[in-house]
Amino acid sequence: MAFNNPWKQATLQPWPIPVVGKPTMRVLHLTDIHVDRKYSVGTEADCSHGAIETYKYCCRAQNSSSTIKIPAGKYGTPAKCDIPFIMFEETMKWISSHERNLDYIIITGDFESHDVWANNKETTTANLINITDTIYQYFPNIPVFQTFGNHEGVPEDSFAPHSISEYDSRGPQWLYKVLNQTWTKWLPTSVQETIM
C-alpha cells in the first residue's frame, strides 16, 4: 500500500491569465476587519506585556505608558493594534468613490476586536449592526454576500452544535436573529425564516 508523503512540497502552478475579451467581474472582499472601539489616538501602538506580546492590548488608553515609542495614529498604526472605526469608515468611503463598477461584495466575518474576553452579546450586536449599516451606507445598490467569523461567537469560537441538549438556550440563535435583522437589506423576505 502506498501513502502520500504529507511533507512533499506541492508543485506550484502559475496564476491563470484571463482570456482577452472574456467577461470579468469586479468583487470587493472584506474580511477580518477587527474594529477596536477602544482604540485611542496617541497611545502606545507597540506595547509589550512580558510573555504576552500581542495587539490585543495595544493602542488603548489603559495600556499606555508615559513613554510612547510608537504613538497610535488617527487612522491606525502598522503595529500591534486592531483598527479604529474611522479607518474602516474612511476606507469604505474611499472605495465607494473610486470603485464605481463593483458587481458584488463578499464579507467573511470577524468584525470584532481581538479583546475576546470583553465581547458580549450586546457589544457584538451593536458592532454587527454598525459595521453592516456603514457598508450599506456606502454601497446601497451593490449585492452583498455575508457570513460571520469565529470572533462573532460569544465567547469567541462558540457555535454550539445542534446535538447538545441545551441548544435552544446556549446556541447561537441570538446571533442569527441579529444577522436576520442586518442582512435584510440584501436578502428577499422569503428567506428570512431560514436564517433563524
N, C-alpha and C. Protein backbone atom coordinates (compact mmCIF):
# COMPACT_ATOMS: atom_id res chain seq x y z
N MET A 1 0.84 -1.16 0.00
CA MET A 1 0.00 0.00 0.00
C MET A 1 0.90 1.24 0.00
N ALA A 2 0.62 2.19 -0.88
CA ALA A 2 1.41 3.42 -0.98
C ALA A 2 0.70 4.56 -0.28
N PHE A 3 1.47 5.38 0.41
CA PHE A 3 0.93 6.55 1.09
C PHE A 3 1.53 7.80 0.49
N ASN A 4 0.72 8.85 0.45
CA ASN A 4 1.24 10.15 0.01
C ASN A 4 2.07 10.75 1.13
N ASN A 5 3.18 11.33 0.77
CA ASN A 5 4.04 11.98 1.74
C ASN A 5 3.48 13.37 2.03
N PRO A 6 2.98 13.64 3.26
CA PRO A 6 2.40 14.96 3.56
C PRO A 6 3.44 16.07 3.56
N TRP A 7 4.72 15.72 3.65
CA TRP A 7 5.78 16.72 3.70
C TRP A 7 6.31 17.07 2.32
N LYS A 8 5.86 16.36 1.31
CA LYS A 8 6.32 16.64 -0.04
C LYS A 8 5.68 17.95 -0.51
N GLN A 9 6.51 18.86 -0.99
CA GLN A 9 6.00 20.16 -1.42
C GLN A 9 5.23 20.01 -2.72
N ALA A 10 4.07 20.63 -2.75
CA ALA A 10 3.24 20.59 -3.96
C ALA A 10 3.89 21.41 -5.06
N THR A 11 3.64 21.02 -6.29
CA THR A 11 4.14 21.77 -7.43
C THR A 11 3.28 23.01 -7.60
N LEU A 12 3.93 24.15 -7.64
CA LEU A 12 3.20 25.39 -7.78
C LEU A 12 2.84 25.64 -9.24
N GLN A 13 1.62 26.06 -9.44
CA GLN A 13 1.15 26.37 -10.78
C GLN A 13 1.15 27.89 -10.96
N PRO A 14 1.43 28.37 -12.16
CA PRO A 14 1.39 29.82 -12.37
C PRO A 14 -0.04 30.33 -12.30
N TRP A 15 -0.20 31.62 -11.98
CA TRP A 15 -1.53 32.23 -11.96
C TRP A 15 -2.13 32.16 -13.35
N PRO A 16 -3.41 31.82 -13.44
CA PRO A 16 -4.03 31.78 -14.77
C PRO A 16 -4.15 33.20 -15.33
N ILE A 17 -3.97 33.32 -16.62
CA ILE A 17 -4.10 34.61 -17.29
C ILE A 17 -5.48 34.67 -17.92
N PRO A 18 -6.28 35.69 -17.57
CA PRO A 18 -7.63 35.79 -18.15
C PRO A 18 -7.57 35.89 -19.67
N VAL A 19 -8.53 35.25 -20.29
CA VAL A 19 -8.62 35.29 -21.74
C VAL A 19 -9.12 36.67 -22.15
N VAL A 20 -8.45 37.26 -23.13
CA VAL A 20 -8.84 38.58 -23.62
C VAL A 20 -10.26 38.52 -24.18
N GLY A 21 -11.08 39.49 -23.77
CA GLY A 21 -12.45 39.56 -24.25
C GLY A 21 -13.45 38.73 -23.46
N LYS A 22 -12.97 37.89 -22.54
CA LYS A 22 -13.87 37.06 -21.73
C LYS A 22 -14.44 37.93 -20.61
N PRO A 23 -15.72 37.78 -20.29
CA PRO A 23 -16.32 38.64 -19.25
C PRO A 23 -15.61 38.47 -17.90
N THR A 24 -15.46 39.57 -17.19
CA THR A 24 -14.87 39.56 -15.85
C THR A 24 -15.83 40.26 -14.89
N MET A 25 -15.57 40.09 -13.60
CA MET A 25 -16.38 40.75 -12.58
C MET A 25 -15.45 41.48 -11.62
N ARG A 26 -15.98 42.54 -11.05
CA ARG A 26 -15.24 43.29 -10.04
C ARG A 26 -15.87 42.99 -8.68
N VAL A 27 -15.08 42.41 -7.78
CA VAL A 27 -15.58 41.95 -6.48
C VAL A 27 -14.73 42.57 -5.38
N LEU A 28 -15.39 43.08 -4.36
CA LEU A 28 -14.71 43.57 -3.16
C LEU A 28 -14.87 42.51 -2.09
N HIS A 29 -13.75 42.03 -1.54
CA HIS A 29 -13.79 41.03 -0.48
C HIS A 29 -13.30 41.69 0.81
N LEU A 30 -14.16 41.73 1.81
CA LEU A 30 -13.83 42.29 3.12
C LEU A 30 -13.77 41.15 4.13
N THR A 31 -12.67 41.08 4.87
CA THR A 31 -12.55 40.04 5.89
C THR A 31 -11.66 40.52 7.03
N ASP A 32 -11.86 39.97 8.19
CA ASP A 32 -11.02 40.26 9.36
C ASP A 32 -10.86 41.76 9.57
N ILE A 33 -11.97 42.46 9.65
CA ILE A 33 -11.95 43.91 9.82
C ILE A 33 -11.43 44.27 11.21
N HIS A 34 -11.88 43.58 12.23
CA HIS A 34 -11.40 43.73 13.61
C HIS A 34 -11.33 45.20 14.05
N VAL A 35 -12.48 45.83 14.13
CA VAL A 35 -12.55 47.21 14.59
C VAL A 35 -12.43 47.24 16.11
N ASP A 36 -11.55 48.10 16.60
CA ASP A 36 -11.35 48.26 18.05
C ASP A 36 -12.04 49.53 18.51
N ARG A 37 -13.17 49.38 19.20
CA ARG A 37 -13.94 50.53 19.68
C ARG A 37 -13.22 51.26 20.81
N LYS A 38 -12.20 50.66 21.38
CA LYS A 38 -11.45 51.29 22.47
C LYS A 38 -10.12 51.87 21.99
N TYR A 39 -9.92 51.89 20.68
CA TYR A 39 -8.71 52.46 20.09
C TYR A 39 -8.58 53.91 20.53
N SER A 40 -7.38 54.30 20.94
CA SER A 40 -7.16 55.66 21.45
C SER A 40 -5.93 56.27 20.78
N VAL A 41 -6.16 57.34 20.03
CA VAL A 41 -5.09 58.02 19.31
C VAL A 41 -4.02 58.51 20.28
N GLY A 42 -2.75 58.30 19.92
CA GLY A 42 -1.63 58.78 20.74
C GLY A 42 -1.13 57.80 21.78
N THR A 43 -1.86 56.71 21.99
CA THR A 43 -1.41 55.72 22.97
C THR A 43 -0.34 54.83 22.35
N GLU A 44 0.23 53.97 23.15
CA GLU A 44 1.32 53.11 22.68
C GLU A 44 0.80 52.05 21.71
N ALA A 45 1.39 52.04 20.51
CA ALA A 45 0.98 51.09 19.48
C ALA A 45 1.83 49.82 19.49
N ASP A 46 2.96 49.86 20.17
CA ASP A 46 3.85 48.70 20.20
C ASP A 46 4.08 48.27 21.64
N CYS A 47 2.98 48.05 22.34
CA CYS A 47 3.09 47.70 23.75
C CYS A 47 3.54 46.26 23.93
N SER A 48 4.07 46.00 25.08
CA SER A 48 4.57 44.67 25.39
C SER A 48 4.17 44.33 26.82
N HIS A 49 3.67 43.13 27.01
CA HIS A 49 3.25 42.70 28.34
C HIS A 49 4.00 41.43 28.73
N GLY A 50 5.30 41.54 28.81
CA GLY A 50 6.11 40.39 29.22
C GLY A 50 5.99 39.25 28.23
N ALA A 51 5.51 38.13 28.72
CA ALA A 51 5.38 36.95 27.87
C ALA A 51 4.28 37.10 26.83
N ILE A 52 3.34 38.02 27.09
CA ILE A 52 2.22 38.21 26.17
C ILE A 52 2.49 39.44 25.32
N GLU A 53 2.95 39.23 24.09
CA GLU A 53 3.17 40.35 23.18
C GLU A 53 2.15 40.24 22.06
N THR A 54 1.10 41.01 22.19
CA THR A 54 0.01 40.88 21.24
C THR A 54 -0.71 42.19 21.06
N TYR A 55 -1.30 42.38 19.90
CA TYR A 55 -2.04 43.60 19.58
C TYR A 55 -3.34 43.71 20.37
N LYS A 56 -3.73 42.70 21.11
CA LYS A 56 -4.97 42.74 21.89
C LYS A 56 -4.92 43.86 22.93
N TYR A 57 -3.74 44.27 23.30
CA TYR A 57 -3.59 45.21 24.40
C TYR A 57 -3.11 46.58 23.95
N CYS A 58 -2.73 46.75 22.69
CA CYS A 58 -2.11 48.00 22.25
C CYS A 58 -3.13 49.01 21.74
N CYS A 59 -2.68 50.25 21.62
CA CYS A 59 -3.48 51.38 21.12
C CYS A 59 -4.70 51.66 21.99
N ARG A 60 -4.54 51.44 23.26
CA ARG A 60 -5.62 51.68 24.21
C ARG A 60 -5.09 52.49 25.38
N ALA A 61 -5.92 53.38 25.88
CA ALA A 61 -5.50 54.28 26.96
C ALA A 61 -5.07 53.54 28.21
N GLN A 62 -5.79 52.48 28.57
CA GLN A 62 -5.47 51.78 29.82
C GLN A 62 -4.17 51.00 29.75
N ASN A 63 -3.62 50.83 28.56
CA ASN A 63 -2.38 50.06 28.43
C ASN A 63 -1.22 50.90 27.95
N SER A 64 -1.35 52.19 28.02
CA SER A 64 -0.30 53.07 27.53
C SER A 64 0.55 53.56 28.69
N SER A 65 1.83 53.73 28.42
CA SER A 65 2.74 54.21 29.46
C SER A 65 3.02 55.70 29.23
N SER A 66 3.80 56.28 30.12
CA SER A 66 4.14 57.70 29.98
C SER A 66 5.16 57.90 28.86
N THR A 67 5.91 56.87 28.52
CA THR A 67 6.87 56.95 27.42
C THR A 67 6.28 56.22 26.22
N ILE A 68 5.96 56.97 25.17
CA ILE A 68 5.36 56.40 23.97
C ILE A 68 6.44 56.19 22.92
N LYS A 69 6.69 54.94 22.55
CA LYS A 69 7.67 54.63 21.50
C LYS A 69 7.05 54.83 20.12
N ILE A 70 5.85 54.26 19.92
CA ILE A 70 5.14 54.39 18.65
C ILE A 70 3.72 54.83 18.98
N PRO A 71 3.39 56.10 18.71
CA PRO A 71 2.04 56.56 19.03
C PRO A 71 1.01 56.03 18.04
N ALA A 72 -0.15 55.69 18.54
CA ALA A 72 -1.25 55.22 17.69
C ALA A 72 -1.77 56.39 16.87
N GLY A 73 -1.80 56.22 15.56
CA GLY A 73 -2.25 57.28 14.67
C GLY A 73 -3.76 57.34 14.57
N LYS A 74 -4.25 58.44 14.02
CA LYS A 74 -5.69 58.66 13.91
C LYS A 74 -6.38 57.56 13.10
N TYR A 75 -5.73 57.11 12.03
CA TYR A 75 -6.34 56.13 11.14
C TYR A 75 -5.76 54.72 11.33
N GLY A 76 -5.09 54.49 12.43
CA GLY A 76 -4.48 53.19 12.67
C GLY A 76 -2.97 53.30 12.60
N THR A 77 -2.32 52.24 12.98
CA THR A 77 -0.86 52.22 13.01
C THR A 77 -0.39 50.82 12.63
N PRO A 78 0.59 50.72 11.74
CA PRO A 78 1.10 49.38 11.40
C PRO A 78 1.97 48.85 12.54
N ALA A 79 1.30 48.46 13.60
CA ALA A 79 1.98 47.94 14.78
C ALA A 79 1.14 46.80 15.33
N LYS A 80 0.94 46.77 16.64
CA LYS A 80 0.23 45.66 17.28
C LYS A 80 -1.17 46.08 17.71
N CYS A 81 -1.95 46.60 16.75
CA CYS A 81 -3.28 47.12 17.08
C CYS A 81 -4.30 46.64 16.06
N ASP A 82 -5.56 46.58 16.51
CA ASP A 82 -6.66 46.49 15.58
C ASP A 82 -6.90 47.90 15.05
N ILE A 83 -7.87 48.05 14.14
CA ILE A 83 -8.06 49.37 13.54
C ILE A 83 -9.15 50.17 14.26
N PRO A 84 -9.03 51.51 14.22
CA PRO A 84 -10.12 52.34 14.76
C PRO A 84 -11.27 52.37 13.76
N PHE A 85 -12.48 52.65 14.25
CA PHE A 85 -13.64 52.68 13.36
C PHE A 85 -13.47 53.69 12.24
N ILE A 86 -12.83 54.82 12.51
CA ILE A 86 -12.67 55.85 11.48
C ILE A 86 -11.89 55.30 10.28
N MET A 87 -10.96 54.41 10.52
CA MET A 87 -10.20 53.80 9.40
C MET A 87 -11.13 52.96 8.54
N PHE A 88 -11.98 52.17 9.17
CA PHE A 88 -12.93 51.35 8.43
C PHE A 88 -13.87 52.23 7.61
N GLU A 89 -14.44 53.25 8.26
CA GLU A 89 -15.39 54.10 7.54
C GLU A 89 -14.73 54.87 6.40
N GLU A 90 -13.56 55.42 6.63
CA GLU A 90 -12.86 56.16 5.56
C GLU A 90 -12.47 55.23 4.41
N THR A 91 -12.14 53.98 4.73
CA THR A 91 -11.84 53.00 3.67
C THR A 91 -13.06 52.72 2.83
N MET A 92 -14.22 52.52 3.48
CA MET A 92 -15.45 52.28 2.72
C MET A 92 -15.80 53.49 1.86
N LYS A 93 -15.61 54.68 2.41
CA LYS A 93 -15.90 55.91 1.67
C LYS A 93 -14.98 56.00 0.44
N TRP A 94 -13.69 55.74 0.63
CA TRP A 94 -12.74 55.84 -0.48
C TRP A 94 -13.05 54.81 -1.57
N ILE A 95 -13.27 53.56 -1.17
CA ILE A 95 -13.56 52.51 -2.15
C ILE A 95 -14.83 52.85 -2.93
N SER A 96 -15.86 53.32 -2.22
CA SER A 96 -17.13 53.61 -2.90
C SER A 96 -16.99 54.75 -3.89
N SER A 97 -16.09 55.68 -3.65
CA SER A 97 -15.92 56.80 -4.58
C SER A 97 -14.94 56.50 -5.71
N HIS A 98 -14.11 55.47 -5.55
CA HIS A 98 -13.11 55.14 -6.57
C HIS A 98 -13.42 53.86 -7.35
N GLU A 99 -14.27 53.01 -6.81
CA GLU A 99 -14.63 51.75 -7.47
C GLU A 99 -16.13 51.73 -7.71
N ARG A 100 -16.57 52.39 -8.74
CA ARG A 100 -18.00 52.53 -9.00
C ARG A 100 -18.59 51.35 -9.77
N ASN A 101 -17.78 50.43 -10.21
CA ASN A 101 -18.29 49.33 -11.04
C ASN A 101 -18.20 47.98 -10.35
N LEU A 102 -18.40 47.94 -9.04
CA LEU A 102 -18.36 46.66 -8.33
C LEU A 102 -19.59 45.84 -8.70
N ASP A 103 -19.38 44.55 -8.94
CA ASP A 103 -20.51 43.66 -9.22
C ASP A 103 -21.13 43.14 -7.93
N TYR A 104 -20.31 42.85 -6.93
CA TYR A 104 -20.82 42.44 -5.63
C TYR A 104 -19.71 42.51 -4.60
N ILE A 105 -20.11 42.35 -3.34
CA ILE A 105 -19.19 42.39 -2.21
C ILE A 105 -19.33 41.07 -1.44
N ILE A 106 -18.19 40.52 -1.04
CA ILE A 106 -18.17 39.32 -0.18
C ILE A 106 -17.59 39.76 1.16
N ILE A 107 -18.28 39.41 2.24
CA ILE A 107 -17.79 39.71 3.59
C ILE A 107 -17.69 38.40 4.36
N THR A 108 -16.51 38.10 4.84
CA THR A 108 -16.30 36.81 5.51
C THR A 108 -15.99 36.94 6.99
N GLY A 109 -16.60 37.93 7.62
CA GLY A 109 -16.64 37.98 9.07
C GLY A 109 -15.45 38.53 9.81
N ASP A 110 -15.51 38.37 11.12
CA ASP A 110 -14.54 38.86 12.09
C ASP A 110 -14.51 40.38 12.15
N PHE A 111 -15.63 40.95 12.60
CA PHE A 111 -15.75 42.39 12.80
C PHE A 111 -15.18 42.82 14.15
N GLU A 112 -15.19 41.90 15.11
CA GLU A 112 -14.84 42.22 16.49
C GLU A 112 -13.34 42.44 16.68
N SER A 113 -12.99 43.24 17.70
CA SER A 113 -11.59 43.40 18.07
C SER A 113 -11.11 42.11 18.75
N HIS A 114 -9.81 42.02 18.94
CA HIS A 114 -9.23 40.80 19.48
C HIS A 114 -9.30 40.70 21.01
N ASP A 115 -9.91 41.65 21.67
CA ASP A 115 -10.05 41.53 23.13
C ASP A 115 -11.28 40.67 23.44
N VAL A 116 -11.16 39.42 23.11
CA VAL A 116 -12.30 38.50 23.14
C VAL A 116 -12.91 38.33 24.53
N TRP A 117 -12.15 38.58 25.57
CA TRP A 117 -12.67 38.46 26.93
C TRP A 117 -13.71 39.54 27.23
N ALA A 118 -13.69 40.64 26.47
CA ALA A 118 -14.60 41.76 26.72
C ALA A 118 -15.85 41.71 25.84
N ASN A 119 -15.86 40.85 24.84
CA ASN A 119 -17.02 40.77 23.95
C ASN A 119 -18.19 40.10 24.64
N ASN A 120 -19.37 40.63 24.39
CA ASN A 120 -20.59 40.02 24.88
C ASN A 120 -21.66 40.18 23.81
N LYS A 121 -22.83 39.64 24.04
CA LYS A 121 -23.88 39.69 23.02
C LYS A 121 -24.25 41.13 22.66
N GLU A 122 -24.28 42.01 23.64
CA GLU A 122 -24.69 43.39 23.39
C GLU A 122 -23.66 44.13 22.54
N THR A 123 -22.37 44.02 22.89
CA THR A 123 -21.35 44.72 22.11
C THR A 123 -21.21 44.13 20.71
N THR A 124 -21.32 42.81 20.62
CA THR A 124 -21.23 42.16 19.31
C THR A 124 -22.41 42.57 18.43
N THR A 125 -23.60 42.61 19.01
CA THR A 125 -24.78 43.04 18.26
C THR A 125 -24.61 44.46 17.75
N ALA A 126 -24.19 45.37 18.63
CA ALA A 126 -24.00 46.77 18.24
C ALA A 126 -22.96 46.89 17.13
N ASN A 127 -21.89 46.13 17.25
CA ASN A 127 -20.82 46.17 16.25
C ASN A 127 -21.30 45.64 14.90
N LEU A 128 -22.01 44.52 14.90
CA LEU A 128 -22.52 43.96 13.65
C LEU A 128 -23.48 44.93 12.96
N ILE A 129 -24.36 45.54 13.73
CA ILE A 129 -25.32 46.48 13.15
C ILE A 129 -24.59 47.70 12.59
N ASN A 130 -23.65 48.24 13.37
CA ASN A 130 -22.93 49.45 12.96
C ASN A 130 -22.09 49.22 11.70
N ILE A 131 -21.34 48.14 11.67
CA ILE A 131 -20.48 47.88 10.50
C ILE A 131 -21.32 47.55 9.28
N THR A 132 -22.37 46.76 9.45
CA THR A 132 -23.23 46.43 8.31
C THR A 132 -23.92 47.68 7.78
N ASP A 133 -24.40 48.54 8.66
CA ASP A 133 -25.04 49.78 8.23
C ASP A 133 -24.05 50.69 7.49
N THR A 134 -22.80 50.69 7.93
CA THR A 134 -21.78 51.51 7.26
C THR A 134 -21.52 50.98 5.85
N ILE A 135 -21.44 49.69 5.70
CA ILE A 135 -21.24 49.10 4.37
C ILE A 135 -22.43 49.45 3.47
N TYR A 136 -23.62 49.33 4.02
CA TYR A 136 -24.82 49.66 3.24
C TYR A 136 -24.87 51.14 2.88
N GLN A 137 -24.42 51.99 3.78
CA GLN A 137 -24.40 53.44 3.52
C GLN A 137 -23.57 53.76 2.29
N TYR A 138 -22.42 53.12 2.15
CA TYR A 138 -21.52 53.43 1.04
C TYR A 138 -21.74 52.57 -0.20
N PHE A 139 -22.44 51.46 -0.04
CA PHE A 139 -22.69 50.57 -1.18
C PHE A 139 -24.17 50.16 -1.20
N PRO A 140 -25.10 51.10 -1.28
CA PRO A 140 -26.52 50.77 -1.15
C PRO A 140 -27.09 49.94 -2.29
N ASN A 141 -26.49 49.98 -3.45
CA ASN A 141 -27.02 49.27 -4.61
C ASN A 141 -26.17 48.09 -5.07
N ILE A 142 -25.23 47.69 -4.24
CA ILE A 142 -24.34 46.58 -4.58
C ILE A 142 -24.78 45.34 -3.79
N PRO A 143 -24.97 44.20 -4.46
CA PRO A 143 -25.30 42.97 -3.72
C PRO A 143 -24.16 42.59 -2.76
N VAL A 144 -24.53 42.17 -1.58
CA VAL A 144 -23.55 41.77 -0.57
C VAL A 144 -23.84 40.34 -0.14
N PHE A 145 -22.79 39.52 -0.11
CA PHE A 145 -22.89 38.14 0.36
C PHE A 145 -22.03 38.06 1.61
N GLN A 146 -22.67 37.83 2.74
CA GLN A 146 -22.00 37.97 4.02
C GLN A 146 -22.12 36.70 4.85
N THR A 147 -21.07 36.46 5.62
CA THR A 147 -21.09 35.41 6.63
C THR A 147 -20.42 35.97 7.88
N PHE A 148 -20.48 35.25 8.97
CA PHE A 148 -19.79 35.71 10.16
C PHE A 148 -18.56 34.85 10.39
N GLY A 149 -17.66 35.35 11.22
CA GLY A 149 -16.43 34.63 11.53
C GLY A 149 -16.43 34.10 12.94
N ASN A 150 -15.32 33.52 13.33
CA ASN A 150 -15.23 32.93 14.67
C ASN A 150 -15.28 33.98 15.78
N HIS A 151 -14.94 35.23 15.48
CA HIS A 151 -14.97 36.27 16.51
C HIS A 151 -16.38 36.77 16.81
N GLU A 152 -17.34 36.44 15.98
CA GLU A 152 -18.71 36.85 16.27
C GLU A 152 -19.37 35.96 17.32
N GLY A 153 -18.81 34.82 17.56
CA GLY A 153 -19.34 33.95 18.62
C GLY A 153 -19.04 34.56 19.98
N VAL A 154 -19.95 34.37 20.93
CA VAL A 154 -19.73 34.86 22.29
C VAL A 154 -19.93 33.70 23.24
N PRO A 155 -18.83 33.24 23.88
CA PRO A 155 -17.45 33.66 23.68
C PRO A 155 -16.94 33.25 22.30
N GLU A 156 -15.76 33.79 21.95
CA GLU A 156 -15.16 33.52 20.65
C GLU A 156 -15.17 32.02 20.34
N ASP A 157 -15.42 31.68 19.10
CA ASP A 157 -15.42 30.30 18.59
C ASP A 157 -16.57 29.44 19.12
N SER A 158 -17.52 30.02 19.84
CA SER A 158 -18.56 29.18 20.42
C SER A 158 -19.81 29.16 19.55
N PHE A 159 -19.93 28.10 18.81
CA PHE A 159 -21.11 27.85 17.99
C PHE A 159 -21.56 26.44 18.33
N ALA A 160 -22.43 26.36 19.31
CA ALA A 160 -22.85 25.06 19.84
C ALA A 160 -23.47 24.19 18.75
N PRO A 161 -23.17 22.91 18.74
CA PRO A 161 -23.78 22.01 17.75
C PRO A 161 -25.25 21.78 18.08
N HIS A 162 -26.03 21.50 17.06
CA HIS A 162 -27.46 21.25 17.25
C HIS A 162 -27.73 20.05 18.16
N SER A 163 -26.74 19.20 18.32
CA SER A 163 -26.94 17.96 19.07
C SER A 163 -26.94 18.13 20.58
N ILE A 164 -26.49 19.28 21.10
CA ILE A 164 -26.47 19.41 22.56
C ILE A 164 -27.87 19.66 23.09
N SER A 165 -28.13 19.15 24.27
CA SER A 165 -29.48 19.26 24.83
C SER A 165 -29.85 20.71 25.16
N GLU A 166 -28.87 21.56 25.42
CA GLU A 166 -29.14 22.97 25.76
C GLU A 166 -29.07 23.88 24.55
N TYR A 167 -29.20 23.32 23.36
CA TYR A 167 -29.02 24.13 22.15
C TYR A 167 -29.96 25.34 22.13
N ASP A 168 -31.20 25.16 22.53
CA ASP A 168 -32.16 26.27 22.48
C ASP A 168 -31.75 27.43 23.38
N SER A 169 -31.07 27.15 24.48
CA SER A 169 -30.68 28.22 25.39
C SER A 169 -29.21 28.64 25.22
N ARG A 170 -28.37 27.76 24.70
CA ARG A 170 -26.94 28.07 24.61
C ARG A 170 -26.42 28.17 23.18
N GLY A 171 -27.28 27.94 22.22
CA GLY A 171 -26.87 28.01 20.82
C GLY A 171 -26.77 29.44 20.31
N PRO A 172 -26.42 29.61 19.06
CA PRO A 172 -26.20 30.96 18.51
C PRO A 172 -27.44 31.61 17.91
N GLN A 173 -28.66 31.25 18.36
CA GLN A 173 -29.86 31.85 17.79
C GLN A 173 -29.87 33.37 17.91
N TRP A 174 -29.36 33.89 19.01
CA TRP A 174 -29.30 35.35 19.18
C TRP A 174 -28.53 35.98 18.03
N LEU A 175 -27.44 35.32 17.60
CA LEU A 175 -26.62 35.85 16.51
C LEU A 175 -27.38 35.75 15.18
N TYR A 176 -28.08 34.64 14.98
CA TYR A 176 -28.87 34.50 13.75
C TYR A 176 -29.95 35.58 13.67
N LYS A 177 -30.54 35.93 14.81
CA LYS A 177 -31.56 36.99 14.83
C LYS A 177 -30.95 38.34 14.43
N VAL A 178 -29.76 38.61 14.94
CA VAL A 178 -29.08 39.86 14.59
C VAL A 178 -28.76 39.87 13.09
N LEU A 179 -28.25 38.76 12.59
CA LEU A 179 -27.92 38.69 11.16
C LEU A 179 -29.18 38.81 10.31
N ASN A 180 -30.26 38.23 10.77
CA ASN A 180 -31.53 38.35 10.05
C ASN A 180 -31.96 39.81 9.99
N GLN A 181 -31.73 40.53 11.06
CA GLN A 181 -32.06 41.95 11.11
C GLN A 181 -31.17 42.76 10.18
N THR A 182 -29.87 42.48 10.18
CA THR A 182 -28.94 43.30 9.40
C THR A 182 -28.87 42.91 7.94
N TRP A 183 -29.04 41.64 7.64
CA TRP A 183 -28.89 41.19 6.25
C TRP A 183 -30.14 41.41 5.40
N THR A 184 -31.25 41.84 6.01
CA THR A 184 -32.48 42.01 5.23
C THR A 184 -32.33 43.05 4.12
N LYS A 185 -31.32 43.87 4.22
CA LYS A 185 -31.05 44.85 3.16
C LYS A 185 -30.71 44.16 1.84
N TRP A 186 -30.15 42.97 1.94
CA TRP A 186 -29.67 42.27 0.74
C TRP A 186 -30.41 40.99 0.43
N LEU A 187 -31.28 40.55 1.32
CA LEU A 187 -31.97 39.27 1.13
C LEU A 187 -33.46 39.47 0.91
N PRO A 188 -34.06 38.64 0.09
CA PRO A 188 -35.52 38.72 -0.06
C PRO A 188 -36.21 38.24 1.23
N THR A 189 -37.38 38.77 1.50
CA THR A 189 -38.10 38.39 2.72
C THR A 189 -38.44 36.91 2.76
N SER A 190 -38.50 36.28 1.60
CA SER A 190 -38.85 34.86 1.55
C SER A 190 -37.82 33.97 2.23
N VAL A 191 -36.59 34.45 2.41
CA VAL A 191 -35.57 33.62 3.02
C VAL A 191 -35.29 33.95 4.48
N GLN A 192 -35.96 34.95 5.01
CA GLN A 192 -35.66 35.39 6.36
C GLN A 192 -35.86 34.29 7.40
N GLU A 193 -36.91 33.50 7.26
CA GLU A 193 -37.14 32.46 8.26
C GLU A 193 -36.10 31.36 8.20
N THR A 194 -35.38 31.21 7.10
CA THR A 194 -34.35 30.17 7.02
C THR A 194 -33.06 30.56 7.71
N ILE A 195 -32.89 31.84 8.02
CA ILE A 195 -31.67 32.29 8.72
C ILE A 195 -31.72 31.87 10.17
N MET A 196 -32.89 31.90 10.76
CA MET A 196 -33.01 31.61 12.18
C MET A 196 -33.31 30.15 12.36
